[in-house]
Amino acid sequence: GIECDVPASETPDGRPGVAILICAGKKKLKEQVVERLAECVLTAPTTAVFNGITNAEEKIAVKLHFFGDGYEYQKEVGGRKCWAIPIMNGEYVGEEEFGIVKGVAGGNFFVMGENQMAALMGAEAASDAIAPMKGVITSFPGGIVGSGSKVGSLKYKFMVASTNEKYCPTLREKVADSKIPAGVKAVYEIVIDGIDEKSVAAAMGVGVKAAAMVPGVKFISAGNFGGTLGPYK
């Protein structure tokens, strides 16, 4: 997801940029980085890629330059050792070592509204407030989740996740331990991934305050999933 915009004065090639965070388990992280770069960045017009965590103790290496089929060559850009790959709109330029750190994924809170519009406006306010913050992303489209899930399933054992019935307003009278307060008609979830617990906590605070200012937002809550998704609370 998009972490933040980066001004031209802070990028190796002197062009406006965007910082992204890719979050995955360590075993799958390299695969995810390669896939995102190959499918989403290399194919896009005018792109270049540079390592955003230069002080990381651990790095992963990719070999995207083989796409150049022998026409690729090494060059230095802004003091960075890069590969240049000839492509149809000129050259793709990119580093091939990227710093990794142990982050925190799945920080969350729920925005509960008196109707769908109020809840959505509150969630949008939260997402917009978090967007410029460094070190975090709201990893779902638009930064908002409309179909929050729980781990596993009560009925279908082959499902790794299923609807979180405790937070479904239409099931308030059908679920014995519903978490929906009276007067709440819609709930949206904001999910935050970040480079460390401090960054995620700060983003949650900013988002909660922004959502709480929106008329019609009745409650703010959060889910801990019974500890099944990690140690952080």
C-alpha atoms as a PDB file:
ATOM      1  CA  GLY A   1       0.000   0.000   0.000  1.00  0.00           C
ATOM      2  CA  ILE A   2       0.956   3.666  -0.341  1.00  0.00           C
ATOM      3  CA  GLU A   3       2.802   4.977   2.703  1.00  0.00           C
ATOM      4  CA  CYS A   4       3.183   8.620   1.670  1.00  0.00           C
ATOM      5  CA  ASP A   5       4.193  10.971  -1.122  1.00  0.00           C
ATOM      6  CA  VAL A   6       7.902  11.774  -1.413  1.00  0.00           C
ATOM      7  CA  PRO A   7       8.993  15.196  -2.755  1.00  0.00           C
ATOM      8  CA  ALA A   8      11.469  15.384  -5.620  1.00  0.00           C
ATOM      9  CA  SER A   9      14.085  16.792  -3.259  1.00  0.00           C
ATOM     10  CA  GLU A  10      14.163  13.470  -1.384  1.00  0.00           C
ATOM     11  CA  THR A  11      14.296  10.963  -4.262  1.00  0.00           C
ATOM     12  CA  PRO A  12      17.519   9.665  -5.873  1.00  0.00           C
ATOM     13  CA  ASP A  13      16.456  10.706  -9.388  1.00  0.00           C
ATOM     14  CA  GLY A  14      15.020  14.095  -8.420  1.00  0.00           C
ATOM     15  CA  ARG A  15      11.449  13.295  -9.433  1.00  0.00           C
ATOM     16  CA  PRO A  16       8.328  13.283  -7.251  1.00  0.00           C
ATOM     17  CA  GLY A  17       7.807   9.825  -5.821  1.00  0.00           C
ATOM     18  CA  VAL A  18       5.629   7.611  -3.693  1.00  0.00           C
ATOM     19  CA  ALA A  19       6.770   5.426  -0.796  1.00  0.00           C
ATOM     20  CA  ILE A  20       5.078   2.043  -0.509  1.00  0.00           C
ATOM     21  CA  LEU A  21       5.109  -0.653   2.155  1.00  0.00           C
ATOM     22  CA  ILE A  22       4.783  -4.336   1.283  1.00  0.00           C
ATOM     23  CA  CYS A  23       3.760  -6.477   4.245  1.00  0.00           C
ATOM     24  CA  ALA A  24       4.015 -10.266   4.308  1.00  0.00           C
ATOM     25  CA  GLY A  25       5.475 -13.114   6.305  1.00  0.00           C
ATOM     26  CA  LYS A  26       9.237 -13.271   5.971  1.00  0.00           C
ATOM     27  CA  LYS A  27       9.183 -16.466   3.903  1.00  0.00           C
ATOM     28  CA  LYS A  28       6.824 -14.929   1.352  1.00  0.00           C
ATOM     29  CA  LEU A  29       8.144 -11.375   1.389  1.00  0.00           C
ATOM     30  CA  LYS A  30      10.690 -11.742  -1.413  1.00  0.00           C
ATOM     31  CA  GLU A  31       8.111 -13.395  -3.648  1.00  0.00           C
ATOM     32  CA  GLN A  32       5.653 -10.583  -2.957  1.00  0.00           C
ATOM     33  CA  VAL A  33       8.226  -7.868  -3.687  1.00  0.00           C
ATOM     34  CA  VAL A  34       9.228  -9.487  -6.984  1.00  0.00           C
ATOM     35  CA  GLU A  35       5.605  -9.900  -8.070  1.00  0.00           C
ATOM     36  CA  ARG A  36       4.628  -6.330  -7.191  1.00  0.00           C
ATOM     37  CA  LEU A  37       7.656  -4.843  -8.931  1.00  0.00           C
ATOM     38  CA  ALA A  38       7.315  -7.002 -12.037  1.00  0.00           C
ATOM     39  CA  GLU A  39       3.552  -6.707 -12.459  1.00  0.00           C
ATOM     40  CA  CYS A  40       2.775  -3.243 -11.101  1.00  0.00           C
ATOM     41  CA  VAL A  41       5.906  -1.087 -11.335  1.00  0.00           C
ATOM     42  CA  LEU A  42       8.003  -2.321 -14.252  1.00  0.00           C
ATOM     43  CA  THR A  43       4.919  -2.305 -16.476  1.00  0.00           C
ATOM     44  CA  ALA A  44       3.862   1.248 -15.551  1.00  0.00           C
ATOM     45  CA  PRO A  45       5.071   4.245 -17.605  1.00  0.00           C
ATOM     46  CA  THR A  46       8.014   6.367 -16.359  1.00  0.00           C
ATOM     47  CA  THR A  47       8.645   4.370 -13.179  1.00  0.00           C
ATOM     48  CA  ALA A  48      11.845   3.791 -11.210  1.00  0.00           C
ATOM     49  CA  VAL A  49      12.375   1.944  -7.921  1.00  0.00           C
ATOM     50  CA  PHE A  50      14.693   2.730  -5.014  1.00  0.00           C
ATOM     51  CA  ASN A  51      15.247   1.162  -1.610  1.00  0.00           C
ATOM     52  CA  GLY A  52      13.263   3.052   1.018  1.00  0.00           C
ATOM     53  CA  ILE A  53      14.813   1.553   4.164  1.00  0.00           C
ATOM     54  CA  THR A  54      18.494   2.198   3.602  1.00  0.00           C
ATOM     55  CA  ASN A  55      19.489   1.673   7.236  1.00  0.00           C
ATOM     56  CA  ALA A  56      17.916  -1.784   7.561  1.00  0.00           C
ATOM     57  CA  GLU A  57      20.191  -4.492   8.939  1.00  0.00           C
ATOM     58  CA  GLU A  58      18.586  -7.087   6.688  1.00  0.00           C
ATOM     59  CA  LYS A  59      17.883  -6.876   2.972  1.00  0.00           C
ATOM     60  CA  ILE A  60      16.356  -8.997   0.252  1.00  0.00           C
ATOM     61  CA  ALA A  61      17.750  -9.113  -3.272  1.00  0.00           C
ATOM     62  CA  VAL A  62      15.745  -9.385  -6.474  1.00  0.00           C
ATOM     63  CA  LYS A  63      16.940  -9.938 -10.041  1.00  0.00           C
ATOM     64  CA  LEU A  64      14.496  -7.992 -12.132  1.00  0.00           C
ATOM     65  CA  HIS A  65      17.269  -6.928 -14.509  1.00  0.00           C
ATOM     66  CA  PHE A  66      17.069 -10.278 -16.329  1.00  0.00           C
ATOM     67  CA  PHE A  67      13.960  -8.858 -17.999  1.00  0.00           C
ATOM     68  CA  GLY A  68      16.439  -6.851 -20.053  1.00  0.00           C
ATOM     69  CA  ASP A  69      17.423 -10.037 -21.909  1.00  0.00           C
ATOM     70  CA  GLY A  70      21.090  -9.061 -22.052  1.00  0.00           C
ATOM     71  CA  TYR A  71      20.526  -5.412 -22.950  1.00  0.00           C
ATOM     72  CA  GLU A  72      20.410  -4.317 -19.295  1.00  0.00           C
ATOM     73  CA  TYR A  73      23.357  -2.467 -17.779  1.00  0.00           C
ATOM     74  CA  GLN A  74      24.382  -1.023 -14.427  1.00  0.00           C
ATOM     75  CA  LYS A  75      24.366   2.695 -13.703  1.00  0.00           C
ATOM     76  CA  GLU A  76      24.520   5.028 -10.724  1.00  0.00           C
ATOM     77  CA  VAL A  77      21.581   7.293  -9.894  1.00  0.00           C
ATOM     78  CA  GLY A  78      21.806   9.697  -6.978  1.00  0.00           C
ATOM     79  CA  GLY A  79      24.602   7.678  -5.453  1.00  0.00           C
ATOM     80  CA  ARG A  80      22.621   4.429  -5.739  1.00  0.00           C
ATOM     81  CA  LYS A  81      23.796   1.389  -7.706  1.00  0.00           C
ATOM     82  CA  CYS A  82      20.978   0.564 -10.102  1.00  0.00           C
ATOM     83  CA  TRP A  83      20.130  -1.519 -13.132  1.00  0.00           C
ATOM     84  CA  ALA A  84      18.789   0.098 -16.293  1.00  0.00           C
ATOM     85  CA  ILE A  85      16.483  -1.993 -18.469  1.00  0.00           C
ATOM     86  CA  PRO A  86      15.639  -0.777 -21.985  1.00  0.00           C
ATOM     87  CA  ILE A  87      11.851  -0.697 -22.419  1.00  0.00           C
ATOM     88  CA  MET A  88       9.460   0.789 -24.959  1.00  0.00           C
ATOM     89  CA  ASN A  89       9.173   4.222 -23.308  1.00  0.00           C
ATOM     90  CA  GLY A  90      12.904   4.560 -22.610  1.00  0.00           C
ATOM     91  CA  GLU A  91      14.515   2.874 -19.608  1.00  0.00           C
ATOM     92  CA  TYR A  92      13.303   1.377 -16.371  1.00  0.00           C
ATOM     93  CA  VAL A  93      15.817   2.132 -13.602  1.00  0.00           C
ATOM     94  CA  GLY A  94      15.848   0.399 -10.258  1.00  0.00           C
ATOM     95  CA  GLU A  95      17.811  -0.842  -7.295  1.00  0.00           C
ATOM     96  CA  GLU A  96      17.656  -4.553  -6.568  1.00  0.00           C
ATOM     97  CA  GLU A  97      18.297  -4.710  -2.826  1.00  0.00           C
ATOM     98  CA  PHE A  98      15.562  -3.644  -0.424  1.00  0.00           C
ATOM     99  CA  GLY A  99      15.700  -3.225   3.336  1.00  0.00           C
ATOM    100  CA  ILE A 100      13.244  -5.197   5.452  1.00  0.00           C
ATOM    101  CA  VAL A 101      12.186  -4.786   9.083  1.00  0.00           C
ATOM    102  CA  LYS A 102       9.878  -6.662  11.429  1.00  0.00           C
ATOM    103  CA  GLY A 103       6.636  -4.717  11.348  1.00  0.00           C
ATOM    104  CA  VAL A 104       3.176  -4.844  12.874  1.00  0.00           C
ATOM    105  CA  ALA A 105       0.172  -5.745  10.709  1.00  0.00           C
ATOM    106  CA  GLY A 106      -3.508  -5.661  11.521  1.00  0.00           C
ATOM    107  CA  GLY A 107      -3.886  -2.715  13.861  1.00  0.00           C
ATOM    108  CA  ASN A 108      -7.576  -1.878  13.638  1.00  0.00           C
ATOM    109  CA  PHE A 109     -10.558   0.064  14.866  1.00  0.00           C
ATOM    110  CA  PHE A 110     -14.251   0.117  14.005  1.00  0.00           C
ATOM    111  CA  VAL A 111     -16.248   3.209  13.075  1.00  0.00           C
ATOM    112  CA  MET A 112     -19.905   2.761  14.057  1.00  0.00           C
ATOM    113  CA  GLY A 113     -22.527   5.096  12.639  1.00  0.00           C
ATOM    114  CA  GLU A 114     -26.211   5.836  13.017  1.00  0.00           C
ATOM    115  CA  ASN A 115     -26.529   5.085   9.310  1.00  0.00           C
ATOM    116  CA  GLN A 116     -24.324   3.912   6.460  1.00  0.00           C
ATOM    117  CA  MET A 117     -23.477   7.412   5.237  1.00  0.00           C
ATOM    118  CA  ALA A 118     -22.366   8.630   8.666  1.00  0.00           C
ATOM    119  CA  ALA A 119     -20.206   5.558   9.248  1.00  0.00           C
ATOM    120  CA  LEU A 120     -18.660   5.834   5.790  1.00  0.00           C
ATOM    121  CA  MET A 121     -17.903   9.538   6.183  1.00  0.00           C
ATOM    122  CA  GLY A 122     -16.276   8.791   9.526  1.00  0.00           C
ATOM    123  CA  ALA A 123     -14.189   6.002   8.023  1.00  0.00           C
ATOM    124  CA  GLU A 124     -13.149   8.231   5.120  1.00  0.00           C
ATOM    125  CA  ALA A 125     -12.115  10.969   7.541  1.00  0.00           C
ATOM    126  CA  ALA A 126     -10.003   8.459   9.450  1.00  0.00           C
ATOM    127  CA  SER A 127      -8.379   7.084   6.299  1.00  0.00           C
ATOM    128  CA  ASP A 128      -7.640  10.581   4.983  1.00  0.00           C
ATOM    129  CA  ALA A 129      -6.074  11.606   8.297  1.00  0.00           C
ATOM    130  CA  ILE A 130      -3.802   8.557   8.349  1.00  0.00           C
ATOM    131  CA  ALA A 131      -2.798   8.803   4.665  1.00  0.00           C
ATOM    132  CA  PRO A 132       0.086  11.332   4.984  1.00  0.00           C
ATOM    133  CA  MET A 133       1.631   9.614   8.007  1.00  0.00           C
ATOM    134  CA  LYS A 134       4.994   7.927   7.502  1.00  0.00           C
ATOM    135  CA  GLY A 135       5.625   4.328   8.473  1.00  0.00           C
ATOM    136  CA  VAL A 136       2.050   3.088   8.036  1.00  0.00           C
ATOM    137  CA  ILE A 137      -0.467   2.069   5.401  1.00  0.00           C
ATOM    138  CA  THR A 138      -4.196   1.369   5.404  1.00  0.00           C
ATOM    139  CA  SER A 139      -3.889  -1.700   3.264  1.00  0.00           C
ATOM    140  CA  PHE A 140      -7.413  -2.136   1.878  1.00  0.00           C
ATOM    141  CA  PRO A 141      -8.839  -0.227  -1.127  1.00  0.00           C
ATOM    142  CA  GLY A 142      -9.576   3.331  -0.062  1.00  0.00           C
ATOM    143  CA  GLY A 143      -8.269   2.430   3.381  1.00  0.00           C
ATOM    144  CA  ILE A 144     -11.698   1.132   4.451  1.00  0.00           C
ATOM    145  CA  VAL A 145     -13.058  -2.383   5.078  1.00  0.00           C
ATOM    146  CA  GLY A 146     -16.782  -2.947   4.645  1.00  0.00           C
ATOM    147  CA  SER A 147     -16.735  -6.706   5.186  1.00  0.00           C
ATOM    148  CA  GLY A 148     -14.678  -7.267   8.315  1.00  0.00           C
ATOM    149  CA  SER A 149     -13.823 -10.884   9.002  1.00  0.00           C
ATOM    150  CA  LYS A 150     -13.039 -13.223  11.872  1.00  0.00           C
ATOM    151  CA  VAL A 151     -10.476 -16.018  11.901  1.00  0.00           C
ATOM    152  CA  GLY A 152     -11.954 -19.309  10.684  1.00  0.00           C
ATOM    153  CA  SER A 153     -15.631 -20.164  10.356  1.00  0.00           C
ATOM    154  CA  LEU A 154     -18.356 -21.476  12.654  1.00  0.00           C
ATOM    155  CA  LYS A 155     -19.965 -23.566   9.919  1.00  0.00           C
ATOM    156  CA  TYR A 156     -17.525 -24.114   7.053  1.00  0.00           C
ATOM    157  CA  LYS A 157     -14.278 -25.666   8.293  1.00  0.00           C
ATOM    158  CA  PHE A 158     -12.498 -25.125   4.960  1.00  0.00           C
ATOM    159  CA  MET A 159     -12.751 -21.335   5.335  1.00  0.00           C
ATOM    160  CA  VAL A 160      -9.737 -19.519   6.813  1.00  0.00           C
ATOM    161  CA  ALA A 161     -11.852 -16.394   7.391  1.00  0.00           C
ATOM    162  CA  SER A 162     -15.544 -15.553   7.414  1.00  0.00           C
ATOM    163  CA  THR A 163     -17.917 -12.689   8.164  1.00  0.00           C
ATOM    164  CA  ASN A 164     -17.580 -11.190  11.636  1.00  0.00           C
ATOM    165  CA  GLU A 165     -21.179 -11.748  12.702  1.00  0.00           C
ATOM    166  CA  LYS A 166     -20.708  -9.957  16.036  1.00  0.00           C
ATOM    167  CA  TYR A 167     -20.233  -6.707  14.111  1.00  0.00           C
ATOM    168  CA  CYS A 168     -23.029  -7.131  11.533  1.00  0.00           C
ATOM    169  CA  PRO A 169     -25.880  -4.706  12.337  1.00  0.00           C
ATOM    170  CA  THR A 170     -28.471  -6.872  10.561  1.00  0.00           C
ATOM    171  CA  LEU A 171     -27.630  -9.753  12.917  1.00  0.00           C
ATOM    172  CA  ARG A 172     -27.884  -7.732  16.132  1.00  0.00           C
ATOM    173  CA  GLU A 173     -31.078  -9.506  17.203  1.00  0.00           C
ATOM    174  CA  LYS A 174     -29.930 -12.929  15.983  1.00  0.00           C
ATOM    175  CA  VAL A 175     -26.452 -13.183  17.538  1.00  0.00           C
ATOM    176  CA  ALA A 176     -26.415 -13.618  21.309  1.00  0.00           C
ATOM    177  CA  ASP A 177     -23.099 -11.835  21.865  1.00  0.00           C
ATOM    178  CA  SER A 178     -23.521  -9.094  19.260  1.00  0.00           C
ATOM    179  CA  LYS A 179     -21.140  -6.154  19.654  1.00  0.00           C
ATOM    180  CA  ILE A 180     -23.474  -3.723  17.884  1.00  0.00           C
ATOM    181  CA  PRO A 181     -24.795  -1.016  20.248  1.00  0.00           C
ATOM    182  CA  ALA A 182     -28.374   0.209  19.970  1.00  0.00           C
ATOM    183  CA  GLY A 183     -28.783   2.839  17.275  1.00  0.00           C
ATOM    184  CA  VAL A 184     -25.862   1.650  15.130  1.00  0.00           C
ATOM    185  CA  LYS A 185     -26.804   0.732  11.557  1.00  0.00           C
ATOM    186  CA  ALA A 186     -23.394   0.415   9.855  1.00  0.00           C
ATOM    187  CA  VAL A 187     -19.799  -0.402  10.784  1.00  0.00           C
ATOM    188  CA  TYR A 188     -16.559   0.119   8.871  1.00  0.00           C
ATOM    189  CA  GLU A 189     -13.139  -1.172   9.847  1.00  0.00           C
ATOM    190  CA  ILE A 190      -9.839   0.637   9.392  1.00  0.00           C
ATOM    191  CA  VAL A 191      -6.878  -1.762   9.206  1.00  0.00           C
ATOM    192  CA  ILE A 192      -3.365  -0.376   9.682  1.00  0.00           C
ATOM    193  CA  ASP A 193      -0.030  -2.032   8.892  1.00  0.00           C
ATOM    194  CA  GLY A 194       3.210  -0.366   9.929  1.00  0.00           C
ATOM    195  CA  ILE A 195       6.939  -0.636  10.413  1.00  0.00           C
ATOM    196  CA  ASP A 196       6.604  -0.825  14.208  1.00  0.00           C
ATOM    197  CA  GLU A 197       4.058  -0.790  17.044  1.00  0.00           C
ATOM    198  CA  LYS A 198       4.633   2.894  17.799  1.00  0.00           C
ATOM    199  CA  SER A 199       3.781   3.930  14.230  1.00  0.00           C
ATOM    200  CA  VAL A 200       0.613   1.832  14.174  1.00  0.00           C
ATOM    201  CA  ALA A 201      -0.530   3.178  17.553  1.00  0.00           C
ATOM    202  CA  ALA A 202       0.036   6.771  16.432  1.00  0.00           C
ATOM    203  CA  ALA A 203      -1.977   6.192  13.258  1.00  0.00           C
ATOM    204  CA  MET A 204      -4.815   4.623  15.223  1.00  0.00           C
ATOM    205  CA  GLY A 205      -4.946   7.679  17.475  1.00  0.00           C
ATOM    206  CA  VAL A 206      -5.068  10.106  14.562  1.00  0.00           C
ATOM    207  CA  GLY A 207      -7.701   8.055  12.758  1.00  0.00           C
ATOM    208  CA  VAL A 208      -9.943   7.633  15.785  1.00  0.00           C
ATOM    209  CA  LYS A 209      -9.896  11.367  16.535  1.00  0.00           C
ATOM    210  CA  ALA A 210     -10.772  12.218  12.926  1.00  0.00           C
ATOM    211  CA  ALA A 211     -13.653   9.735  12.783  1.00  0.00           C
ATOM    212  CA  ALA A 212     -15.062  10.870  16.121  1.00  0.00           C
ATOM    213  CA  MET A 213     -15.469  14.428  14.791  1.00  0.00           C
ATOM    214  CA  VAL A 214     -17.951  13.347  12.095  1.00  0.00           C
ATOM    215  CA  PRO A 215     -21.654  13.881  12.912  1.00  0.00           C
ATOM    216  CA  GLY A 216     -23.559  10.614  13.149  1.00  0.00           C
ATOM    217  CA  VAL A 217     -20.592   8.524  14.265  1.00  0.00           C
ATOM    218  CA  LYS A 218     -21.898   6.962  17.468  1.00  0.00           C
ATOM    219  CA  PHE A 219     -19.125   4.689  18.718  1.00  0.00           C
ATOM    220  CA  ILE A 220     -15.501   3.716  18.088  1.00  0.00           C
ATOM    221  CA  SER A 221     -14.460   0.159  18.919  1.00  0.00           C
ATOM    222  CA  ALA A 222     -11.790  -2.362  17.928  1.00  0.00           C
ATOM    223  CA  GLY A 223     -11.223  -6.087  17.551  1.00  0.00           C
ATOM    224  CA  ASN A 224      -8.484  -8.214  19.092  1.00  0.00           C
ATOM    225  CA  PHE A 225      -9.537 -11.523  17.483  1.00  0.00           C
ATOM    226  CA  GLY A 226      -8.909 -13.427  20.691  1.00  0.00           C
ATOM    227  CA  GLY A 227      -5.164 -13.163  20.248  1.00  0.00           C
ATOM    228  CA  THR A 228      -5.252 -15.394  17.159  1.00  0.00           C
ATOM    229  CA  LEU A 229      -3.617 -12.802  14.895  1.00  0.00           C
ATOM    230  CA  GLY A 230      -0.608 -11.877  17.006  1.00  0.00           C
ATOM    231  CA  PRO A 231       0.664 -10.619  20.358  1.00  0.00           C
ATOM    232  CA  TYR A 232      -0.109  -6.904  20.090  1.00  0.00           C
ATOM    233  CA  LYS A 233      -3.062  -5.330  21.917  1.00  0.00           C
END
